[in-house]
Amino acid sequence: MVTKYKVKTKAVFNGQPVGSIVELDEKTAKRYEALKYLEIIEEVKPKAKKSTSATKKPSQKTSAKKETKKDED
């Protein structure tokens, strides 16, 4: 998984003015930081995935309808 960083520009970078805060991947951020074009502020944490809820049981009404249909057949 690719690590993302928030960086602050020290020079005009990709059309962004000096002092802009942008997100870059790890490789790009470290390369341009070494050239003094930007400063790494922080690592962006990936968002936590939502856990799926348990499967829902059919309501009493729908199961009652199914039972009456079976009785009719």
N, C-alpha and C. Protein backbone atom coordinates (compact mmCIF):
# COMPACT_ATOMS: atom_id res chain seq x y z
N MET A 1 0.84 -1.17 0.00
CA MET A 1 0.00 0.00 0.00
C MET A 1 0.89 1.24 0.00
N VAL A 2 0.51 2.23 -0.74
CA VAL A 2 1.30 3.45 -0.90
C VAL A 2 1.04 4.38 0.29
N THR A 3 2.13 4.88 0.87
CA THR A 3 2.02 5.82 1.98
C THR A 3 1.91 7.23 1.42
N LYS A 4 0.98 8.00 1.96
CA LYS A 4 0.79 9.38 1.53
C LYS A 4 1.29 10.32 2.62
N TYR A 5 1.82 11.47 2.20
CA TYR A 5 2.31 12.49 3.13
C TYR A 5 1.69 13.83 2.81
N LYS A 6 1.41 14.63 3.85
CA LYS A 6 1.03 16.02 3.66
C LYS A 6 2.33 16.80 3.66
N VAL A 7 2.49 17.63 2.65
CA VAL A 7 3.72 18.42 2.52
C VAL A 7 3.39 19.89 2.32
N LYS A 8 4.32 20.74 2.73
CA LYS A 8 4.19 22.18 2.55
C LYS A 8 5.25 22.61 1.56
N THR A 9 4.83 23.30 0.51
CA THR A 9 5.76 23.68 -0.55
C THR A 9 6.63 24.86 -0.10
N LYS A 10 7.89 24.81 -0.52
CA LYS A 10 8.83 25.91 -0.27
C LYS A 10 9.16 26.66 -1.55
N ALA A 11 8.66 26.14 -2.66
CA ALA A 11 8.86 26.75 -3.97
C ALA A 11 7.59 26.46 -4.77
N VAL A 12 7.45 27.08 -5.93
CA VAL A 12 6.31 26.78 -6.78
C VAL A 12 6.46 25.32 -7.23
N PHE A 13 5.47 24.51 -6.91
CA PHE A 13 5.56 23.07 -7.14
C PHE A 13 4.27 22.60 -7.81
N ASN A 14 4.38 22.08 -9.04
CA ASN A 14 3.22 21.62 -9.82
C ASN A 14 2.13 22.68 -9.92
N GLY A 15 2.53 23.92 -10.07
CA GLY A 15 1.56 25.00 -10.21
C GLY A 15 0.99 25.49 -8.89
N GLN A 16 1.40 24.90 -7.77
CA GLN A 16 0.93 25.32 -6.45
C GLN A 16 1.85 26.42 -5.92
N PRO A 17 1.29 27.48 -5.35
CA PRO A 17 2.14 28.56 -4.83
C PRO A 17 2.91 28.15 -3.59
N VAL A 18 3.89 28.94 -3.23
CA VAL A 18 4.72 28.70 -2.04
C VAL A 18 3.81 28.69 -0.81
N GLY A 19 4.02 27.70 0.07
CA GLY A 19 3.25 27.62 1.30
C GLY A 19 2.00 26.77 1.20
N SER A 20 1.73 26.21 0.03
CA SER A 20 0.55 25.35 -0.14
C SER A 20 0.78 24.02 0.55
N ILE A 21 -0.30 23.44 1.03
CA ILE A 21 -0.22 22.11 1.64
C ILE A 21 -0.92 21.13 0.69
N VAL A 22 -0.17 20.13 0.23
CA VAL A 22 -0.68 19.13 -0.71
C VAL A 22 -0.31 17.74 -0.22
N GLU A 23 -0.96 16.72 -0.79
CA GLU A 23 -0.65 15.33 -0.47
C GLU A 23 0.12 14.69 -1.61
N LEU A 24 1.21 14.01 -1.27
CA LEU A 24 2.02 13.31 -2.26
C LEU A 24 2.34 11.92 -1.76
N ASP A 25 2.67 11.02 -2.69
CA ASP A 25 3.10 9.68 -2.29
C ASP A 25 4.50 9.76 -1.68
N GLU A 26 4.88 8.69 -0.99
CA GLU A 26 6.13 8.68 -0.22
C GLU A 26 7.36 8.95 -1.07
N LYS A 27 7.46 8.29 -2.21
CA LYS A 27 8.64 8.41 -3.06
C LYS A 27 8.83 9.84 -3.54
N THR A 28 7.77 10.45 -4.04
CA THR A 28 7.84 11.82 -4.55
C THR A 28 8.15 12.80 -3.44
N ALA A 29 7.48 12.64 -2.31
CA ALA A 29 7.67 13.56 -1.19
C ALA A 29 9.11 13.54 -0.69
N LYS A 30 9.68 12.37 -0.53
CA LYS A 30 11.05 12.28 -0.03
C LYS A 30 12.08 12.80 -1.04
N ARG A 31 11.81 12.56 -2.32
CA ARG A 31 12.74 13.04 -3.35
C ARG A 31 12.78 14.57 -3.38
N TYR A 32 11.61 15.21 -3.37
CA TYR A 32 11.58 16.67 -3.44
C TYR A 32 11.95 17.32 -2.11
N GLU A 33 11.77 16.61 -1.00
CA GLU A 33 12.24 17.15 0.27
C GLU A 33 13.77 17.22 0.28
N ALA A 34 14.42 16.21 -0.30
CA ALA A 34 15.88 16.20 -0.38
C ALA A 34 16.40 17.37 -1.23
N LEU A 35 15.61 17.79 -2.20
CA LEU A 35 15.98 18.92 -3.05
C LEU A 35 15.57 20.26 -2.45
N LYS A 36 14.96 20.23 -1.25
CA LYS A 36 14.53 21.43 -0.52
C LYS A 36 13.38 22.17 -1.22
N TYR A 37 12.58 21.46 -2.02
CA TYR A 37 11.42 22.07 -2.67
C TYR A 37 10.20 22.06 -1.77
N LEU A 38 10.19 21.14 -0.81
CA LEU A 38 9.05 21.05 0.09
C LEU A 38 9.46 20.46 1.42
N GLU A 39 8.53 20.52 2.38
CA GLU A 39 8.78 20.03 3.73
C GLU A 39 7.66 19.06 4.10
N ILE A 40 8.01 17.87 4.57
CA ILE A 40 7.01 16.89 4.97
C ILE A 40 6.45 17.30 6.33
N ILE A 41 5.12 17.43 6.39
CA ILE A 41 4.45 17.83 7.62
C ILE A 41 4.04 16.61 8.43
N GLU A 42 3.30 15.70 7.79
CA GLU A 42 2.81 14.52 8.49
C GLU A 42 2.44 13.42 7.52
N GLU A 43 2.35 12.21 8.05
CA GLU A 43 1.91 11.06 7.26
C GLU A 43 0.39 10.98 7.34
N VAL A 44 -0.26 10.76 6.21
CA VAL A 44 -1.71 10.66 6.18
C VAL A 44 -2.10 9.22 6.52
N LYS A 45 -2.93 9.07 7.54
CA LYS A 45 -3.37 7.74 7.95
C LYS A 45 -4.53 7.30 7.05
N PRO A 46 -4.51 6.04 6.60
CA PRO A 46 -5.63 5.57 5.78
C PRO A 46 -6.89 5.50 6.63
N LYS A 47 -8.03 5.74 6.00
CA LYS A 47 -9.30 5.70 6.71
C LYS A 47 -9.63 4.27 7.11
N ALA A 48 -10.20 4.13 8.28
CA ALA A 48 -10.59 2.81 8.76
C ALA A 48 -11.77 2.30 7.95
N LYS A 49 -11.73 1.03 7.63
CA LYS A 49 -12.82 0.44 6.86
C LYS A 49 -14.00 0.17 7.78
N LYS A 50 -15.19 0.35 7.25
CA LYS A 50 -16.39 0.05 8.02
C LYS A 50 -16.56 -1.45 8.10
N SER A 51 -16.92 -1.90 9.27
CA SER A 51 -17.21 -3.32 9.39
C SER A 51 -18.65 -3.55 8.94
N THR A 52 -18.87 -4.66 8.30
CA THR A 52 -20.21 -4.94 7.81
C THR A 52 -21.05 -5.46 8.96
N SER A 53 -22.31 -5.11 8.94
CA SER A 53 -23.21 -5.56 10.00
C SER A 53 -23.59 -7.02 9.76
N ALA A 54 -24.11 -7.63 10.79
CA ALA A 54 -24.52 -9.02 10.68
C ALA A 54 -25.69 -9.13 9.71
N THR A 55 -25.85 -10.30 9.13
CA THR A 55 -26.96 -10.48 8.19
C THR A 55 -28.27 -10.33 8.92
N LYS A 56 -29.20 -9.69 8.27
CA LYS A 56 -30.49 -9.42 8.89
C LYS A 56 -31.41 -10.61 8.72
N LYS A 57 -32.15 -10.88 9.77
CA LYS A 57 -33.14 -11.96 9.72
C LYS A 57 -34.40 -11.41 9.08
N PRO A 58 -35.13 -12.23 8.32
CA PRO A 58 -36.37 -11.74 7.73
C PRO A 58 -37.38 -11.43 8.83
N SER A 59 -38.17 -10.41 8.60
CA SER A 59 -39.15 -10.02 9.61
C SER A 59 -40.26 -11.06 9.72
N GLN A 60 -41.02 -10.97 10.77
CA GLN A 60 -42.11 -11.92 11.01
C GLN A 60 -43.15 -11.86 9.91
N LYS A 61 -43.42 -10.67 9.39
CA LYS A 61 -44.46 -10.51 8.37
C LYS A 61 -44.10 -11.25 7.08
N THR A 62 -42.86 -11.14 6.65
CA THR A 62 -42.50 -11.79 5.39
C THR A 62 -42.48 -13.31 5.55
N SER A 63 -42.04 -13.81 6.68
CA SER A 63 -42.03 -15.26 6.86
C SER A 63 -43.46 -15.78 7.01
N ALA A 64 -44.37 -14.98 7.56
CA ALA A 64 -45.76 -15.39 7.67
C ALA A 64 -46.39 -15.48 6.28
N LYS A 65 -46.04 -14.55 5.39
CA LYS A 65 -46.57 -14.57 4.02
C LYS A 65 -46.08 -15.80 3.28
N LYS A 66 -44.81 -16.16 3.48
CA LYS A 66 -44.27 -17.34 2.81
C LYS A 66 -44.97 -18.59 3.29
N GLU A 67 -45.28 -18.67 4.58
CA GLU A 67 -45.96 -19.84 5.11
C GLU A 67 -47.37 -19.99 4.54
N THR A 68 -48.08 -18.86 4.37
CA THR A 68 -49.44 -18.93 3.84
C THR A 68 -49.41 -19.35 2.38
N LYS A 69 -48.40 -18.93 1.63
CA LYS A 69 -48.28 -19.33 0.23
C LYS A 69 -48.02 -20.83 0.13
N LYS A 70 -47.21 -21.36 1.03
CA LYS A 70 -46.92 -22.78 1.01
C LYS A 70 -48.17 -23.59 1.34
N ASP A 71 -48.99 -23.08 2.26
CA ASP A 71 -50.23 -23.76 2.64
C ASP A 71 -51.21 -23.81 1.47
N GLU A 72 -51.25 -22.75 0.67
CA GLU A 72 -52.18 -22.67 -0.45
C GLU A 72 -51.81 -23.66 -1.55
N ASP A 73 -50.54 -23.97 -1.73
CA ASP A 73 -50.09 -24.86 -2.80
C ASP A 73 -50.44 -26.25 -2.51
